[in-house]
Protein backbone atom coordinates (compact mmCIF):
# COMPACT_ATOMS: atom_id res chain seq x y z
CA UNK A 1 22.21 30.69 -11.57
CA UNK A 2 25.26 32.95 -12.28
CA UNK A 3 27.46 33.94 -9.45
CA UNK A 4 26.76 37.46 -8.38
CA UNK A 5 30.29 39.26 -9.18
CA UNK A 6 32.39 39.71 -6.94
CA UNK A 7 32.73 43.63 -5.95
CA UNK A 8 36.65 43.90 -6.52
CA UNK A 9 39.18 41.03 -7.91
CA UNK A 10 42.42 40.91 -8.00
CA UNK A 11 44.41 39.44 -11.60
CA UNK A 12 48.58 39.00 -11.12
CA UNK A 13 48.99 41.49 -9.66
CA UNK A 14 52.44 42.91 -9.74
CA UNK A 15 54.39 46.21 -7.76
CA UNK A 16 58.00 46.53 -8.66
CA UNK A 17 60.21 48.92 -7.54
CA UNK A 18 63.21 49.75 -9.30
CA UNK A 19 66.42 50.88 -7.20
CA UNK A 20 68.96 51.70 -9.83
CA UNK A 21 72.15 49.70 -10.85
CA UNK A 22 69.43 47.32 -12.47
CA UNK A 23 68.01 46.21 -8.80
CA UNK A 24 64.61 45.29 -8.29
CA UNK A 25 62.26 45.27 -5.64
CA UNK A 26 59.01 43.43 -6.05
CA UNK A 27 57.28 43.99 -3.19
CA UNK A 28 54.15 42.72 -4.67
CA UNK A 29 54.67 39.51 -7.39
CA UNK A 30 51.35 38.04 -9.03
CA UNK A 31 48.62 38.27 -7.01
CA UNK A 32 44.76 36.67 -7.27
CA UNK A 33 42.03 36.64 -4.94
CA UNK A 34 38.54 38.30 -5.51
CA UNK A 35 35.80 40.00 -2.40
CA UNK A 36 32.92 39.44 -2.45
CA UNK A 37 30.26 42.47 -1.54
CA UNK A 38 29.86 42.86 2.67
CA UNK A 39 32.84 40.45 2.76
CA UNK A 40 36.02 41.41 5.47
CA UNK A 41 39.34 39.40 3.98
CA UNK A 42 41.28 39.49 6.10
CA UNK A 43 45.31 39.79 4.27
CA UNK A 44 48.44 38.54 6.96
CA UNK A 45 51.85 37.98 6.66
CA UNK A 46 55.23 39.12 8.43
CA UNK A 47 56.21 42.71 8.42
CA UNK A 48 57.71 43.32 4.73
CA UNK A 49 55.74 40.71 3.28
CA UNK A 50 53.83 43.44 0.84
CA UNK A 51 50.70 43.24 1.68
CA UNK A 52 50.76 47.51 2.90
CA UNK A 53 51.95 47.88 -0.44
CA UNK A 54 49.28 45.42 -2.36
CA UNK A 55 46.51 48.23 -0.35
CA UNK A 56 48.23 51.01 -1.84
CA UNK A 57 48.51 49.76 -5.06
CA UNK A 58 44.62 48.08 -4.97
CA UNK A 59 43.20 51.83 -4.15
CA UNK A 60 46.27 52.60 -6.53
CA UNK A 61 47.76 54.99 -4.88
CA UNK A 62 50.99 53.08 -6.11
CA UNK A 63 50.81 52.52 -9.86
CA UNK A 64 50.45 48.42 -10.17
CA UNK A 65 53.53 47.22 -12.36
CA UNK A 66 50.99 44.76 -13.59
CA UNK A 67 47.96 43.30 -13.51
CA UNK A 68 44.37 44.32 -12.88
CA UNK A 69 42.73 45.70 -10.51
CA UNK A 70 39.07 45.39 -10.95
CA UNK A 71 36.91 47.19 -9.03
CA UNK A 72 32.84 46.84 -9.62
CA UNK A 73 33.66 44.69 -13.30
CA UNK A 74 35.93 48.02 -14.03
CA UNK A 75 39.90 48.27 -14.00
CA UNK A 76 41.20 50.79 -10.89
CA UNK A 77 44.37 51.24 -13.30
CA UNK A 78 42.66 52.60 -16.59
CA UNK A 79 40.94 54.91 -15.23
CA UNK A 80 41.69 58.85 -15.61
CA UNK A 81 39.52 61.97 -14.63
CA UNK A 82 35.73 62.23 -13.54
CA UNK A 83 35.55 58.41 -13.51
CA UNK A 84 39.05 58.07 -11.31
CA UNK A 85 37.99 60.84 -8.80
CA UNK A 86 34.27 58.70 -8.64
CA UNK A 87 36.17 55.76 -7.94
CA UNK A 88 37.74 57.60 -5.47
CA UNK A 89 34.43 58.06 -4.01
CA UNK A 90 33.62 54.27 -3.30
CA UNK A 91 36.96 53.35 -1.88
CA UNK A 92 39.00 53.90 1.13
CA UNK A 93 41.42 53.95 3.66
CA UNK A 94 42.18 53.51 7.49
CA UNK A 95 45.68 54.00 7.95
CA UNK A 96 48.14 52.71 10.49
CA UNK A 97 49.62 55.65 11.76
CA UNK A 98 46.80 57.70 13.47
CA UNK A 99 49.74 60.08 13.83
CA UNK A 100 50.99 60.89 10.80
CA UNK A 101 47.75 60.52 8.82
CA UNK A 102 46.00 63.73 10.05
CA UNK A 103 46.68 66.94 9.16
CA UNK A 104 48.13 68.52 12.44
CA UNK A 105 47.27 71.84 11.23
CA UNK A 106 43.32 70.68 10.71
CA UNK A 107 40.56 71.15 13.39
CA UNK A 108 39.05 67.77 13.41
CA UNK A 109 35.37 68.48 11.53
CA UNK A 110 37.77 70.00 8.33
CA UNK A 111 39.49 66.80 7.96
CA UNK A 112 36.56 64.80 8.01
CA UNK A 113 35.07 67.09 5.46
CA UNK A 114 37.55 66.95 3.08
CA UNK A 115 36.32 64.01 1.13
CA UNK A 116 32.68 66.19 1.43
CA UNK A 117 34.39 69.23 0.15
CA UNK A 118 36.60 67.46 -2.71
CA UNK A 119 33.31 65.60 -3.94
CA UNK A 120 30.80 68.73 -3.21
CA UNK A 121 28.56 66.04 -1.27
CA UNK A 122 26.92 69.32 1.41
CA UNK A 123 27.83 71.76 2.31
CA UNK A 124 26.47 74.88 4.99
CA UNK A 125 24.25 73.49 7.63
CA UNK A 126 24.09 70.49 6.00
CA UNK A 127 27.98 69.56 5.90
CA UNK A 128 28.36 70.18 9.74
CA UNK A 129 24.88 68.17 10.21
CA UNK A 130 26.88 65.39 8.08
CA UNK A 131 30.83 65.53 9.90
CA UNK A 132 28.17 65.09 13.49
CA UNK A 133 26.98 61.79 12.55
CA UNK A 134 29.88 60.66 11.05
CA UNK A 135 31.60 61.46 14.99
CA UNK A 136 29.01 60.18 16.56
CA UNK A 137 28.75 57.15 14.62
CA UNK A 138 32.27 56.00 15.18
CA UNK A 139 31.59 57.06 19.51
CA UNK A 140 32.78 60.51 19.61
CA UNK A 141 30.90 63.83 20.33
CA UNK A 142 29.90 66.68 17.99
CA UNK A 143 32.40 68.93 20.03
CA UNK A 144 35.09 66.99 19.17
CA UNK A 145 35.05 68.33 15.60
CA UNK A 146 36.31 71.67 16.50
CA UNK A 147 39.56 70.56 18.13
CA UNK A 148 42.79 69.13 17.20
CA UNK A 149 44.45 65.72 16.59
CA UNK A 150 46.58 66.25 19.06
CA UNK A 151 44.44 66.72 22.00
CA UNK A 152 43.59 63.61 21.57
CA UNK A 153 44.06 59.79 22.41
CA UNK A 154 45.59 57.18 19.62
CA UNK A 155 42.27 54.39 19.94
CA UNK A 156 40.66 58.18 19.14
CA UNK A 157 42.56 59.52 16.08
CA UNK A 158 41.88 56.26 14.93
CA UNK A 159 38.16 57.05 15.20
CA UNK A 160 38.35 60.19 13.45
CA UNK A 161 40.94 58.44 10.61
CA UNK A 162 37.04 55.67 10.47
CA UNK A 163 35.07 58.89 10.08
CA UNK A 164 37.32 60.66 7.81
CA UNK A 165 36.80 57.35 5.06
CA UNK A 166 33.01 56.71 5.72
CA UNK A 167 32.57 60.27 5.19
CA UNK A 168 31.82 60.20 1.38
CA UNK A 169 29.44 56.67 1.38
CA UNK A 170 32.53 54.32 0.19
CA UNK A 171 31.71 50.97 -0.67
CA UNK A 172 34.34 49.23 -0.25
CA UNK A 173 37.21 50.29 2.73
CA UNK A 174 41.30 49.31 2.32
CA UNK A 175 42.40 48.89 6.79
CA UNK A 176 45.60 49.09 6.60
CA UNK A 177 47.50 47.96 10.32
CA UNK A 178 44.41 50.02 11.66
CA UNK A 179 45.07 48.69 15.21
CA UNK A 180 49.03 47.56 15.22
CA UNK A 181 49.93 51.24 16.37
CA UNK A 182 47.50 51.23 19.36
CA UNK A 183 47.29 49.94 22.95
CA UNK A 184 46.14 46.80 23.29
CA UNK A 185 42.56 48.11 24.99
CA UNK A 186 41.63 50.09 22.07
CA UNK A 187 42.33 47.16 20.33
CA UNK A 188 38.91 45.28 20.81
CA UNK A 189 37.18 48.31 20.88
CA UNK A 190 37.91 49.53 17.01
CA UNK A 191 37.72 46.51 15.66
CA UNK A 192 34.50 45.90 17.31
CA UNK A 193 33.53 49.37 14.98
CA UNK A 194 34.33 47.71 12.27
CA UNK A 195 32.04 45.15 12.55
CA UNK A 196 29.15 47.19 13.65
CA UNK A 197 29.93 50.16 11.18
CA UNK A 198 30.13 47.16 8.46
CA UNK A 199 26.48 45.73 9.55
CA UNK A 200 24.61 49.09 9.73
CA UNK A 201 26.27 50.31 6.54
CA UNK A 202 26.79 46.94 4.27
CA UNK A 203 30.56 47.36 3.70
CA UNK A 204 33.17 45.50 2.40
CA UNK A 205 36.36 46.02 4.11
CA UNK A 206 39.85 44.73 3.00
CA UNK A 207 41.59 43.97 6.36
CA UNK A 208 45.63 43.97 6.58
CA UNK A 209 46.79 43.08 9.48
CA UNK A 210 50.02 40.14 11.53
CA UNK A 211 47.88 39.55 14.40
CA UNK A 212 46.12 36.93 13.55
CA UNK A 213 44.05 36.09 16.77
CA UNK A 214 42.74 39.79 15.79
CA UNK A 215 42.29 38.58 11.67
CA UNK A 216 40.08 35.88 13.20
CA UNK A 217 37.85 37.66 14.91
CA UNK A 218 36.79 39.89 11.84
CA UNK A 219 37.69 37.50 8.84
CA UNK A 220 35.41 36.04 6.89
CA UNK A 221 38.17 35.01 4.88
CA UNK A 222 41.73 35.55 4.80
CA UNK A 223 44.76 35.12 2.43
CA UNK A 224 48.27 34.59 4.09
CA UNK A 225 51.24 36.37 1.53
CA UNK A 226 54.67 35.67 1.66
CA UNK A 227 57.22 37.63 0.05
CA UNK A 228 55.19 39.19 -2.08
CA UNK A 229 52.93 36.44 -2.80
CA UNK A 230 49.93 34.59 -1.18
CA UNK A 231 50.77 30.52 -0.03
CA UNK A 232 46.86 30.70 1.06
CA UNK A 233 43.39 31.65 0.96
CA UNK A 234 40.50 29.97 2.25
CA UNK A 235 37.71 31.18 5.07
CA UNK A 236 38.83 31.57 8.69
CA UNK A 237 37.35 28.71 10.39
CA UNK A 238 38.78 26.77 7.94
CA UNK A 239 41.89 28.31 8.14
CA UNK A 240 42.92 27.92 11.69
CA UNK A 241 41.49 24.19 11.62
CA UNK A 242 43.33 23.11 9.10
CA UNK A 243 46.05 25.04 7.67
CA UNK A 244 48.09 23.37 4.87
CA UNK A 245 50.50 25.67 4.18
CA UNK A 246 53.32 24.58 6.55
CA UNK A 247 54.44 29.45 6.47
CA UNK A 248 50.91 28.90 7.50
CA UNK A 249 51.18 25.94 10.22
CA UNK A 250 54.10 28.24 11.55
CA UNK A 251 52.47 31.38 11.98
CA UNK A 252 49.59 29.69 14.17
CA UNK A 253 51.36 28.15 16.01
CA UNK A 254 52.89 31.24 17.61
CA UNK A 255 49.79 32.30 18.68
CA UNK A 256 49.00 32.67 22.61
CA UNK A 257 46.83 30.34 24.03
CA UNK A 258 44.53 31.66 26.33
CA UNK A 259 45.00 28.13 28.69
CA UNK A 260 48.40 27.55 30.62
CA UNK A 261 48.15 23.63 31.03
CA UNK A 262 48.01 23.49 26.95
CA UNK A 263 50.23 26.19 26.70
CA UNK A 264 52.98 24.12 28.46
CA UNK A 265 52.52 21.13 26.93
CA UNK A 266 51.57 22.73 22.69
CA UNK A 267 54.79 22.47 20.43
CA UNK A 268 55.68 25.60 18.72
CA UNK A 269 57.11 25.65 14.79
CA UNK A 270 59.83 27.58 14.92
CA UNK A 271 61.52 28.69 12.03
CA UNK A 272 65.15 28.29 11.18
CA UNK A 273 66.98 31.16 9.13
CA UNK A 274 66.36 34.80 8.38
CA UNK A 275 63.30 36.10 5.63
CA UNK A 276 65.57 36.56 1.74
CA UNK A 277 65.43 39.73 0.67
CA UNK A 278 62.20 40.77 -2.22
CA UNK A 279 65.83 41.62 -3.87
CA UNK A 280 66.93 38.76 -4.43
CA UNK A 281 64.50 36.32 -3.02
CA UNK A 282 65.17 31.71 -3.81
CA UNK A 283 64.17 30.64 -6.25
CA UNK A 284 61.40 28.21 -7.01
CA UNK A 285 59.58 28.21 -3.31
CA UNK A 286 59.94 31.75 -2.63
CA UNK A 287 59.48 29.71 1.68
CA UNK A 288 61.60 26.62 0.88
CA UNK A 289 64.33 28.47 2.58
CA UNK A 290 62.54 28.04 5.73
CA UNK A 291 60.60 25.38 5.19
CA UNK A 292 61.16 22.29 7.61
CA UNK A 293 59.42 19.98 5.04
CA UNK A 294 61.45 20.98 2.04
CA UNK A 295 62.00 19.09 -1.18
CA UNK A 296 64.80 19.28 -4.05
CA UNK A 297 61.24 20.09 -6.78
CA UNK A 298 60.86 22.82 -4.32
CA UNK A 299 64.00 24.56 -5.01
CA UNK A 300 63.65 24.19 -8.90
CA UNK A 301 59.89 24.68 -9.53
CA UNK A 302 57.74 27.30 -8.13
CA UNK A 303 54.55 26.13 -6.51
CA UNK A 304 50.89 26.73 -8.54
CA UNK A 305 48.75 28.22 -6.58
CA UNK A 306 45.72 26.10 -7.18
CA UNK A 307 42.35 24.68 -4.97
CA UNK A 308 43.13 22.02 -3.56
CA UNK A 309 39.85 21.22 -1.59
CA UNK A 310 36.43 23.82 -2.51
CA UNK A 311 37.84 27.06 -1.17
CA UNK A 312 40.99 26.70 -0.58
CA UNK A 313 43.29 27.36 -2.28
CA UNK A 314 47.17 26.75 -1.49
CA UNK A 315 50.58 27.35 -2.94
CA UNK A 316 52.88 24.28 -2.31
CA UNK A 317 53.90 20.94 -3.76
CA UNK A 318 52.91 19.48 -0.75
CA UNK A 319 49.89 19.15 -2.03
């Protein structure tokens, strides 16, 4: 029996920014991964690794420099006119900053209904009922529809952002660090809301974050990015139990363990040096300048991103 087609396939995706004077910043430089229907794929890495740029290029807020994004088998970056608008219905985004992503001059009801109006889905009483239903789905009340964004807390604003993304019944949502601007006490509530909505509505997520503990809680599979490239992809359980790439190992060693005895005795992997500039990345493996296991081969040859165990991919000369 043939394997079902993934909902999203990213093939050799590149996003380069030309800065003048012959300088090119390679923010995303050859990503390859697929996301199955109903799955949550976590994308993690340090600030500046290109994960948010990857999300924005996938949804086509940025035009790709190279490669393909296949959604339901169609190349997103080749769509025009009505087909492009239809694609926008199926893929939506929840942004990192709930303060900046909501129009302060619009009521919450109009913010949520903006997509409904653009796509001509509901009018009149049906539109109002749809907004009320969405507010209740994200844990808010229907009377909140007449208020403005400044009247809400950060967690409530992010719930409004999620309701707006759900308004046109998408299949796929890109959540770009949706909890990083929120209090720790609110982060778990928002992640649990994402999980509840996924279960109820059969959603598929690309969940971008730098909090590895939270990503494990929500993701089925995780991709680790460093300097515009994927260095490891596998299931959440396998990544935490058996990280292969030295960069993944160092990230996981930084997660605090809620046990004073274990925390006191365990060894942290402290990386030396600074993250290289994406304007001038190192030759060979981009991680070699900070890697405790670097070999002469790492400076000469870019490691191939390959499957070293069933379902476990990495880009490292150690394997």
